[in-house]
N, C-alpha and C. Protein backbone atom coordinates (compact mmCIF):
# COMPACT_ATOMS: atom_id res chain seq x y z
N UNK A 1 -149.53 159.02 -155.90
CA UNK A 1 -149.11 159.76 -156.59
C UNK A 1 -148.14 160.57 -156.69
N UNK A 2 -147.87 161.12 -155.68
CA UNK A 2 -146.97 162.00 -154.66
C UNK A 2 -146.10 161.41 -155.20
N UNK A 3 -145.47 159.96 -155.03
CA UNK A 3 -144.13 159.09 -155.03
C UNK A 3 -144.07 158.77 -156.02
N UNK A 4 -144.67 158.89 -157.07
CA UNK A 4 -144.73 158.06 -158.23
C UNK A 4 -144.21 159.65 -158.83
N UNK A 5 -144.56 160.98 -158.78
CA UNK A 5 -144.10 162.15 -159.50
C UNK A 5 -142.85 162.62 -159.35
N UNK A 6 -142.19 162.56 -157.44
CA UNK A 6 -141.12 162.64 -157.47
C UNK A 6 -140.40 161.77 -157.59
N UNK A 7 -140.51 160.19 -157.80
CA UNK A 7 -139.84 159.24 -158.42
C UNK A 7 -139.20 159.27 -159.75
N UNK A 8 -140.15 159.63 -160.40
CA UNK A 8 -140.11 159.27 -161.89
C UNK A 8 -139.74 160.70 -162.64
N UNK A 9 -140.09 162.24 -161.36
CA UNK A 9 -139.54 163.30 -162.02
C UNK A 9 -140.08 163.51 -162.84
N UNK A 10 -141.59 162.89 -163.11
CA UNK A 10 -142.91 163.76 -164.77
C UNK A 10 -143.27 164.73 -164.49
N UNK A 11 -143.59 165.00 -166.07
CA UNK A 11 -144.89 166.06 -165.64
C UNK A 11 -146.11 166.06 -165.43
N UNK A 12 -146.60 166.86 -164.60
CA UNK A 12 -148.22 166.82 -165.06
C UNK A 12 -149.47 165.90 -165.97
N UNK A 13 -149.26 166.32 -167.29
CA UNK A 13 -149.33 165.64 -168.47
C UNK A 13 -149.05 164.34 -168.32
N UNK A 14 -147.76 164.08 -168.11
CA UNK A 14 -147.16 162.85 -168.34
C UNK A 14 -148.46 161.68 -167.15
N UNK A 15 -148.55 162.68 -165.64
CA UNK A 15 -149.10 161.42 -164.95
C UNK A 15 -150.37 161.50 -165.53
N UNK A 16 -151.30 162.58 -166.08
CA UNK A 16 -152.60 162.72 -166.53
C UNK A 16 -152.95 161.65 -167.44
N UNK A 17 -151.95 161.03 -168.38
CA UNK A 17 -151.88 160.06 -169.45
C UNK A 17 -152.07 159.25 -169.04
N UNK A 18 -150.74 158.94 -167.53
CA UNK A 18 -150.67 157.45 -167.68
C UNK A 18 -151.91 156.46 -167.06
N UNK A 19 -151.00 155.21 -167.78
CA UNK A 19 -152.25 153.88 -167.99
C UNK A 19 -151.53 153.15 -167.01
N UNK A 20 -152.54 152.13 -166.59
CA UNK A 20 -152.21 151.02 -165.76
C UNK A 20 -151.11 150.20 -166.10
N UNK A 21 -151.01 149.98 -167.93
CA UNK A 21 -150.20 149.27 -168.93
C UNK A 21 -148.69 149.88 -169.10
N UNK A 22 -149.07 150.76 -168.74
CA UNK A 22 -147.21 151.79 -168.30
C UNK A 22 -146.72 151.47 -166.97
N UNK A 23 -147.45 151.27 -166.18
CA UNK A 23 -145.88 150.08 -165.01
C UNK A 23 -146.00 149.22 -165.16
N UNK A 24 -144.65 148.59 -164.94
CA UNK A 24 -144.34 147.19 -164.88
C UNK A 24 -143.82 146.65 -163.69
N UNK A 25 -143.82 146.21 -162.69
CA UNK A 25 -143.96 145.78 -161.30
C UNK A 25 -142.65 144.16 -161.84
N UNK A 26 -141.99 144.58 -161.66
CA UNK A 26 -140.62 143.45 -161.81
C UNK A 26 -139.81 143.86 -161.55
N UNK A 27 -138.66 143.07 -161.99
CA UNK A 27 -136.76 143.86 -160.95
C UNK A 27 -135.88 144.56 -162.65
N UNK A 28 -136.53 145.28 -163.31
CA UNK A 28 -136.17 146.17 -162.05
C UNK A 28 -137.58 146.89 -162.14
N UNK A 29 -138.48 147.65 -161.12
CA UNK A 29 -140.26 148.47 -161.52
C UNK A 29 -139.42 149.68 -162.03
N UNK A 30 -140.76 150.03 -163.33
CA UNK A 30 -140.61 150.70 -164.07
C UNK A 30 -142.03 151.44 -164.41
N UNK A 31 -142.09 152.75 -165.00
CA UNK A 31 -142.87 153.72 -165.41
C UNK A 31 -142.57 153.90 -167.32
N UNK A 32 -143.06 153.99 -167.80
CA UNK A 32 -143.01 154.73 -168.78
C UNK A 32 -144.34 156.00 -169.45
N UNK A 33 -143.73 156.41 -169.51
CA UNK A 33 -143.97 157.55 -169.65
C UNK A 33 -144.02 158.48 -171.19
N UNK A 34 -145.20 159.10 -171.50
CA UNK A 34 -145.27 159.47 -172.66
C UNK A 34 -144.97 161.42 -172.33
N UNK A 35 -144.09 161.97 -172.90
CA UNK A 35 -144.10 163.44 -172.95
C UNK A 35 -144.44 164.11 -174.13
N UNK A 36 -143.39 165.08 -174.02
CA UNK A 36 -143.79 166.38 -175.12
C UNK A 36 -142.98 165.77 -176.65
N UNK A 37 -143.89 166.15 -177.68
CA UNK A 37 -143.62 165.92 -178.37
C UNK A 37 -143.20 164.18 -179.04
N UNK A 38 -145.03 163.52 -178.08
CA UNK A 38 -144.66 162.33 -177.98
C UNK A 38 -143.62 161.20 -178.55
N UNK A 39 -142.34 161.71 -176.94
CA UNK A 39 -141.29 161.17 -176.92
C UNK A 39 -141.14 160.06 -176.19
N UNK A 40 -141.39 159.33 -175.53
CA UNK A 40 -141.13 157.82 -174.23
C UNK A 40 -140.42 158.09 -174.40
N UNK A 41 -140.13 157.25 -172.47
CA UNK A 41 -139.17 157.28 -172.17
C UNK A 41 -139.87 155.78 -170.89
N UNK A 42 -138.76 155.22 -170.26
CA UNK A 42 -139.17 154.21 -169.09
C UNK A 42 -138.17 154.44 -168.05
N UNK A 43 -138.99 154.97 -167.29
CA UNK A 43 -137.83 155.32 -165.95
C UNK A 43 -138.14 153.96 -164.82
N UNK A 44 -137.21 154.02 -164.52
CA UNK A 44 -136.63 152.63 -162.72
C UNK A 44 -137.48 153.31 -161.65
N UNK A 45 -138.21 152.72 -160.92
CA UNK A 45 -139.11 153.82 -159.89
C UNK A 45 -138.62 152.17 -158.81
N UNK A 46 -139.04 152.84 -157.47
CA UNK A 46 -137.80 152.56 -156.26
C UNK A 46 -139.38 151.14 -156.09
N UNK A 47 -138.19 149.76 -155.03
CA UNK A 47 -139.40 148.91 -154.96
C UNK A 47 -141.06 149.18 -153.55
N UNK A 48 -140.24 150.82 -153.17
CA UNK A 48 -141.20 151.10 -152.61
C UNK A 48 -142.18 151.79 -153.15
N UNK A 49 -141.70 153.31 -154.15
CA UNK A 49 -142.56 153.21 -154.63
C UNK A 49 -143.85 152.43 -155.85
N UNK A 50 -142.93 151.09 -156.51
CA UNK A 50 -144.07 150.45 -156.84
C UNK A 50 -144.90 149.58 -155.46
N UNK A 51 -144.76 149.51 -154.79
CA UNK A 51 -145.56 148.63 -153.10
C UNK A 51 -146.71 149.58 -153.14
N UNK A 52 -146.49 150.76 -153.15
CA UNK A 52 -147.29 151.97 -152.39
C UNK A 52 -148.34 152.19 -153.97
N UNK A 53 -148.13 152.44 -155.13
CA UNK A 53 -148.37 152.34 -156.55
C UNK A 53 -149.23 151.04 -156.39
N UNK A 54 -149.34 149.76 -156.08
CA UNK A 54 -150.19 149.09 -155.95
C UNK A 54 -150.82 148.91 -155.15
N UNK A 55 -150.44 149.17 -154.20
CA UNK A 55 -151.56 149.15 -153.52
C UNK A 55 -152.61 149.45 -153.47
N UNK A 56 -152.61 150.35 -153.86
CA UNK A 56 -153.51 152.17 -154.65
C UNK A 56 -154.31 151.42 -155.43
N UNK A 57 -153.40 150.83 -155.90
CA UNK A 57 -154.23 150.36 -157.63
C UNK A 57 -155.15 149.05 -157.21
N UNK A 58 -155.52 148.56 -156.10
CA UNK A 58 -155.22 147.56 -155.20
C UNK A 58 -156.83 147.96 -154.75
N UNK A 59 -156.68 149.28 -153.68
CA UNK A 59 -157.52 149.68 -153.13
C UNK A 59 -158.63 150.71 -153.57
N UNK A 60 -158.32 150.44 -154.76
CA UNK A 60 -159.23 151.21 -156.21
C UNK A 60 -160.50 150.12 -157.04
N UNK A 61 -159.82 149.01 -156.71
CA UNK A 61 -159.80 148.11 -158.01
C UNK A 61 -159.90 148.60 -159.22
N UNK A 62 -158.46 148.82 -159.49
CA UNK A 62 -158.53 148.86 -160.85
C UNK A 62 -157.17 148.35 -161.33
N UNK A 63 -157.71 147.22 -162.23
CA UNK A 63 -156.79 146.30 -163.06
C UNK A 63 -156.36 146.69 -164.14
N UNK A 64 -157.26 146.77 -165.25
CA UNK A 64 -157.45 147.37 -166.63
C UNK A 64 -156.58 148.30 -167.21
N UNK A 65 -155.51 147.61 -167.91
CA UNK A 65 -154.45 148.07 -168.36
C UNK A 65 -154.54 149.15 -169.63
N UNK A 66 -155.66 149.01 -169.77
CA UNK A 66 -155.84 150.45 -170.47
C UNK A 66 -156.30 151.97 -169.64
N UNK A 67 -156.99 151.59 -168.25
CA UNK A 67 -157.05 152.47 -167.17
C UNK A 67 -156.42 153.61 -166.82
N UNK A 68 -156.69 154.77 -166.75
CA UNK A 68 -155.79 155.87 -166.01
C UNK A 68 -155.24 155.42 -164.29
N UNK A 69 -153.98 155.29 -164.60
CA UNK A 69 -153.77 155.17 -163.31
C UNK A 69 -154.32 155.64 -161.64
N UNK A 70 -154.91 157.66 -161.52
CA UNK A 70 -154.72 158.91 -161.17
C UNK A 70 -156.38 158.84 -161.52
N UNK A 71 -157.40 158.63 -160.87
CA UNK A 71 -158.88 158.99 -161.37
C UNK A 71 -159.52 159.66 -160.00
N UNK A 72 -160.73 161.02 -160.90
CA UNK A 72 -160.95 161.36 -159.57
C UNK A 72 -162.14 160.24 -159.49
N UNK A 73 -163.36 161.26 -158.21
CA UNK A 73 -164.29 160.42 -158.15
C UNK A 73 -165.31 159.82 -158.87
N UNK A 74 -165.60 160.09 -160.19
CA UNK A 74 -165.95 160.40 -161.16
C UNK A 74 -165.45 158.81 -162.03
N UNK A 75 -163.99 158.29 -161.47
CA UNK A 75 -163.45 157.97 -162.58
C UNK A 75 -162.70 157.94 -163.52
N UNK A 76 -162.85 159.92 -163.78
CA UNK A 76 -162.16 160.69 -164.85
C UNK A 76 -160.68 160.76 -164.86
N UNK A 77 -159.65 160.54 -165.40
CA UNK A 77 -158.33 161.28 -165.26
C UNK A 77 -158.91 162.49 -164.24
N UNK A 78 -158.09 162.38 -163.49
CA UNK A 78 -156.91 163.41 -162.51
C UNK A 78 -157.31 164.77 -163.66
N UNK A 79 -157.40 165.74 -163.21
CA UNK A 79 -157.10 166.94 -164.19
C UNK A 79 -155.77 167.56 -163.64
N UNK A 80 -155.06 168.66 -163.99
CA UNK A 80 -154.53 169.18 -163.86
C UNK A 80 -154.74 169.87 -162.24
N UNK A 81 -155.73 170.38 -161.84
CA UNK A 81 -156.54 171.26 -160.93
C UNK A 81 -156.88 169.87 -160.01
N UNK A 82 -156.91 168.47 -160.11
CA UNK A 82 -157.33 167.77 -159.05
C UNK A 82 -155.82 167.18 -158.89
N UNK A 83 -154.62 167.60 -159.27
CA UNK A 83 -153.50 166.70 -159.24
C UNK A 83 -152.70 167.82 -158.43
N UNK A 84 -153.47 169.28 -158.06
CA UNK A 84 -152.24 170.11 -157.21
C UNK A 84 -153.76 170.07 -156.19
N UNK A 85 -154.78 169.92 -156.25
CA UNK A 85 -155.29 169.63 -154.82
C UNK A 85 -154.79 169.12 -154.24
N UNK A 86 -154.77 167.74 -154.80
CA UNK A 86 -154.23 166.38 -153.79
C UNK A 86 -152.89 167.08 -152.95
N UNK A 87 -151.83 167.94 -153.88
CA UNK A 87 -150.58 168.24 -153.52
C UNK A 87 -150.45 169.00 -152.54
N UNK A 88 -151.16 170.05 -152.65
CA UNK A 88 -152.39 171.13 -151.44
C UNK A 88 -152.46 170.59 -150.32
N UNK A 89 -153.54 169.65 -150.57
CA UNK A 89 -154.17 168.82 -148.57
C UNK A 89 -153.07 167.68 -148.24
N UNK A 90 -152.34 167.42 -148.87
CA UNK A 90 -151.31 166.33 -148.10
C UNK A 90 -149.65 167.28 -147.85
N UNK A 91 -149.61 168.82 -148.53
CA UNK A 91 -148.43 169.25 -148.59
C UNK A 91 -149.02 170.30 -147.39
N UNK A 92 -150.11 170.01 -146.79
CA UNK A 92 -150.70 170.99 -145.61
C UNK A 92 -150.78 170.17 -144.71
N UNK A 93 -151.12 168.67 -144.88
CA UNK A 93 -150.77 167.69 -143.89
C UNK A 93 -149.34 167.49 -143.36
N UNK A 94 -148.17 167.81 -144.30
CA UNK A 94 -147.14 167.99 -144.10
C UNK A 94 -146.42 168.96 -143.26
N UNK A 95 -147.11 170.09 -143.42
CA UNK A 95 -146.47 171.20 -142.81
C UNK A 95 -147.08 171.47 -141.52
N UNK A 96 -148.29 170.66 -141.23
CA UNK A 96 -148.70 171.21 -140.28
C UNK A 96 -147.78 170.23 -138.89
N UNK A 97 -147.19 168.80 -139.62
CA UNK A 97 -146.38 167.91 -138.83
C UNK A 97 -145.05 168.67 -138.41
N UNK A 98 -144.18 169.42 -139.70
CA UNK A 98 -142.91 169.49 -139.74
C UNK A 98 -142.65 170.41 -140.53
N UNK A 99 -143.44 172.03 -139.66
CA UNK A 99 -143.82 172.91 -141.05
C UNK A 99 -142.13 173.64 -141.02
N UNK A 100 -141.13 173.31 -140.89
CA UNK A 100 -139.37 174.11 -141.11
C UNK A 100 -139.27 172.92 -142.88
N UNK A 101 -139.94 172.31 -142.96
CA UNK A 101 -139.58 171.22 -143.90
C UNK A 101 -140.49 171.69 -144.90
N UNK A 102 -141.22 172.32 -145.79
CA UNK A 102 -142.33 172.19 -146.58
C UNK A 102 -142.49 174.01 -147.07
N UNK A 103 -142.27 174.29 -148.18
CA UNK A 103 -143.05 175.44 -148.26
C UNK A 103 -144.27 175.88 -148.49
N UNK A 104 -144.94 177.04 -148.48
CA UNK A 104 -146.05 177.55 -147.72
C UNK A 104 -146.83 177.03 -148.78
N UNK A 105 -146.17 177.00 -149.94
CA UNK A 105 -146.65 176.30 -151.86
C UNK A 105 -146.15 175.39 -152.68
N UNK A 106 -146.97 174.51 -152.73
CA UNK A 106 -146.27 173.25 -153.30
C UNK A 106 -146.80 172.97 -154.33
N UNK A 107 -146.19 173.12 -155.91
CA UNK A 107 -146.53 172.78 -157.56
C UNK A 107 -145.90 172.15 -158.02
N UNK A 108 -146.77 171.20 -158.90
CA UNK A 108 -146.53 169.41 -159.03
C UNK A 108 -144.87 169.56 -159.85
N UNK A 109 -144.70 171.20 -159.90
CA UNK A 109 -143.15 170.60 -160.68
C UNK A 109 -142.21 171.35 -160.17
N UNK A 110 -141.93 171.20 -158.22
CA UNK A 110 -141.72 171.04 -157.12
C UNK A 110 -140.90 170.41 -157.65
N UNK A 111 -141.79 168.81 -157.66
CA UNK A 111 -141.01 167.89 -157.37
C UNK A 111 -140.49 166.76 -158.36
N UNK A 112 -140.18 167.83 -159.92
CA UNK A 112 -140.03 167.25 -160.81
C UNK A 112 -138.53 167.79 -160.47
N UNK A 113 -138.30 169.56 -160.15
CA UNK A 113 -137.27 169.64 -160.34
C UNK A 113 -136.79 169.48 -159.00
N UNK A 114 -137.11 169.15 -157.68
CA UNK A 114 -135.81 168.29 -156.48
C UNK A 114 -135.20 166.88 -157.31
N UNK A 115 -136.29 165.81 -157.52
CA UNK A 115 -135.78 165.52 -158.43
C UNK A 115 -134.29 165.25 -158.99
N UNK A 116 -134.45 165.75 -159.91
CA UNK A 116 -133.18 167.01 -160.64
C UNK A 116 -132.41 167.63 -159.65
N UNK A 117 -132.61 168.22 -159.07
CA UNK A 117 -131.54 168.77 -158.16
C UNK A 117 -131.14 167.58 -157.56
N UNK A 118 -131.48 166.62 -156.64
CA UNK A 118 -130.95 165.30 -156.31
C UNK A 118 -130.45 164.31 -156.76
N UNK A 119 -130.38 164.28 -158.01
CA UNK A 119 -129.36 163.47 -158.98
C UNK A 119 -128.90 164.29 -159.24
N UNK A 120 -128.64 165.37 -159.60
CA UNK A 120 -127.46 166.18 -159.30
C UNK A 120 -126.60 166.26 -158.25
N UNK A 121 -126.97 166.74 -157.18
CA UNK A 121 -126.13 166.45 -155.84
C UNK A 121 -125.13 165.20 -155.80
N UNK A 122 -126.18 164.00 -156.22
CA UNK A 122 -125.47 163.37 -156.15
C UNK A 122 -124.95 162.84 -157.26
N UNK A 123 -124.40 163.82 -158.16
CA UNK A 123 -123.34 163.15 -158.74
C UNK A 123 -124.24 162.62 -160.43
N UNK A 124 -124.86 162.09 -160.89
CA UNK A 124 -125.40 161.63 -161.79
C UNK A 124 -124.87 162.79 -163.06
N UNK A 125 -124.47 162.14 -163.63
CA UNK A 125 -124.28 163.07 -165.10
C UNK A 125 -125.50 163.96 -165.97
N UNK A 126 -124.91 164.44 -166.36
CA UNK A 126 -126.14 165.89 -166.86
C UNK A 126 -127.16 164.71 -168.06
N UNK A 127 -126.00 164.25 -168.89
CA UNK A 127 -126.95 163.54 -170.15
C UNK A 127 -127.53 162.57 -169.84
N UNK A 128 -127.42 162.41 -168.51
CA UNK A 128 -128.85 161.09 -167.69
C UNK A 128 -129.21 161.81 -167.17
N UNK A 129 -129.45 162.72 -166.84
CA UNK A 129 -130.64 163.12 -166.18
C UNK A 129 -131.46 164.06 -167.12
N UNK A 130 -131.06 164.38 -168.51
CA UNK A 130 -131.68 165.00 -169.39
C UNK A 130 -132.63 163.50 -169.70
N UNK A 131 -132.24 162.57 -170.17
CA UNK A 131 -132.68 161.64 -170.80
C UNK A 131 -133.60 160.89 -169.24
N UNK A 132 -133.46 160.99 -168.17
CA UNK A 132 -134.16 160.62 -167.45
C UNK A 132 -135.29 161.43 -167.47
N UNK A 133 -135.92 163.07 -167.94
CA UNK A 133 -136.36 163.77 -167.39
C UNK A 133 -137.21 164.22 -168.52
N UNK A 134 -136.26 163.29 -170.01
CA UNK A 134 -137.18 163.72 -170.88
C UNK A 134 -136.84 165.21 -172.01
N UNK A 135 -135.86 165.51 -171.84
CA UNK A 135 -135.61 166.80 -172.06
C UNK A 135 -134.73 166.30 -173.95
N UNK A 136 -135.05 167.05 -174.89
CA UNK A 136 -134.49 167.20 -176.27
C UNK A 136 -133.28 168.10 -176.15
N UNK A 137 -132.76 168.96 -175.24
CA UNK A 137 -131.36 169.04 -175.05
C UNK A 137 -130.74 169.35 -173.91
N UNK A 138 -129.79 169.04 -173.81
CA UNK A 138 -129.03 169.20 -172.32
C UNK A 138 -128.67 170.63 -172.15
N UNK A 139 -129.10 171.42 -172.89
CA UNK A 139 -128.72 172.65 -172.41
C UNK A 139 -129.98 173.19 -171.31
N UNK A 140 -131.56 172.31 -171.38
CA UNK A 140 -132.75 173.01 -170.51
C UNK A 140 -132.03 172.07 -169.46
N UNK A 141 -131.89 170.87 -169.38
CA UNK A 141 -131.18 170.59 -168.14
C UNK A 141 -130.47 171.03 -167.27
N UNK A 142 -129.00 172.00 -167.98
CA UNK A 142 -127.98 172.20 -167.44
C UNK A 142 -128.73 173.49 -166.92
N UNK A 143 -130.37 174.38 -166.77
CA UNK A 143 -130.85 174.90 -165.88
C UNK A 143 -130.75 174.40 -164.33
N UNK A 144 -130.98 173.10 -164.48
CA UNK A 144 -130.77 172.83 -162.88
C UNK A 144 -129.38 173.13 -162.13
N UNK A 145 -128.42 173.16 -162.66
CA UNK A 145 -127.18 172.74 -162.10
C UNK A 145 -126.94 174.30 -162.39
N UNK A 146 -127.06 175.29 -162.89
CA UNK A 146 -127.22 176.77 -162.30
C UNK A 146 -127.74 176.62 -160.92
N UNK A 147 -128.61 177.09 -160.58
CA UNK A 147 -129.68 176.50 -159.12
C UNK A 147 -128.66 176.09 -158.48
N UNK A 148 -127.48 175.82 -158.36
CA UNK A 148 -127.00 175.52 -157.24
C UNK A 148 -126.10 175.73 -156.78
N UNK A 149 -125.67 176.99 -156.02
CA UNK A 149 -124.56 177.25 -156.64
C UNK A 149 -123.24 176.98 -155.86
N UNK A 150 -123.68 175.51 -155.14
CA UNK A 150 -122.39 174.69 -155.02
C UNK A 150 -121.90 174.06 -156.29
N UNK A 151 -122.88 173.83 -156.11
CA UNK A 151 -122.56 173.38 -157.81
C UNK A 151 -122.08 174.25 -159.06
N UNK A 152 -122.53 174.94 -159.27
CA UNK A 152 -122.21 176.21 -159.83
C UNK A 152 -120.39 176.22 -159.75
N UNK A 153 -120.24 176.15 -158.81
CA UNK A 153 -118.77 176.30 -157.60
C UNK A 153 -117.99 175.83 -158.68
N UNK A 154 -118.01 174.54 -158.45
CA UNK A 154 -117.51 173.25 -158.85
C UNK A 154 -117.06 173.56 -160.46
């Protein structure tokens, strides 16, 4: 779940709504997300992330294309608080191993923000990032550029 959140830059609601049929495990591996205003977009994901997701689906015996990808112990889609719980749990474990690398509190949106910042730092055009994040206006995406003092200077 965490790998997919970062790789796709998805919103929490997009993750909650994700179904097995929205994942395509072929070259390139992709995830189809439906965002705000029912706007759909297809995002490429790495082979590594795809392998993690496939292993999860196999271990959870989730094969039905209409089935939610991430479920709780009652086989219901994870809620916002469920996603936050998982992120907190693994964030805590990561902080114990490398406290200098992780903030004291992780929010799901941090992964989306981090992906956007990493794309910007790697000189990906704002128009592409806008489409990747599902923003309707590049003005919204420009907020990420203003967060980085080096990009601001350039």
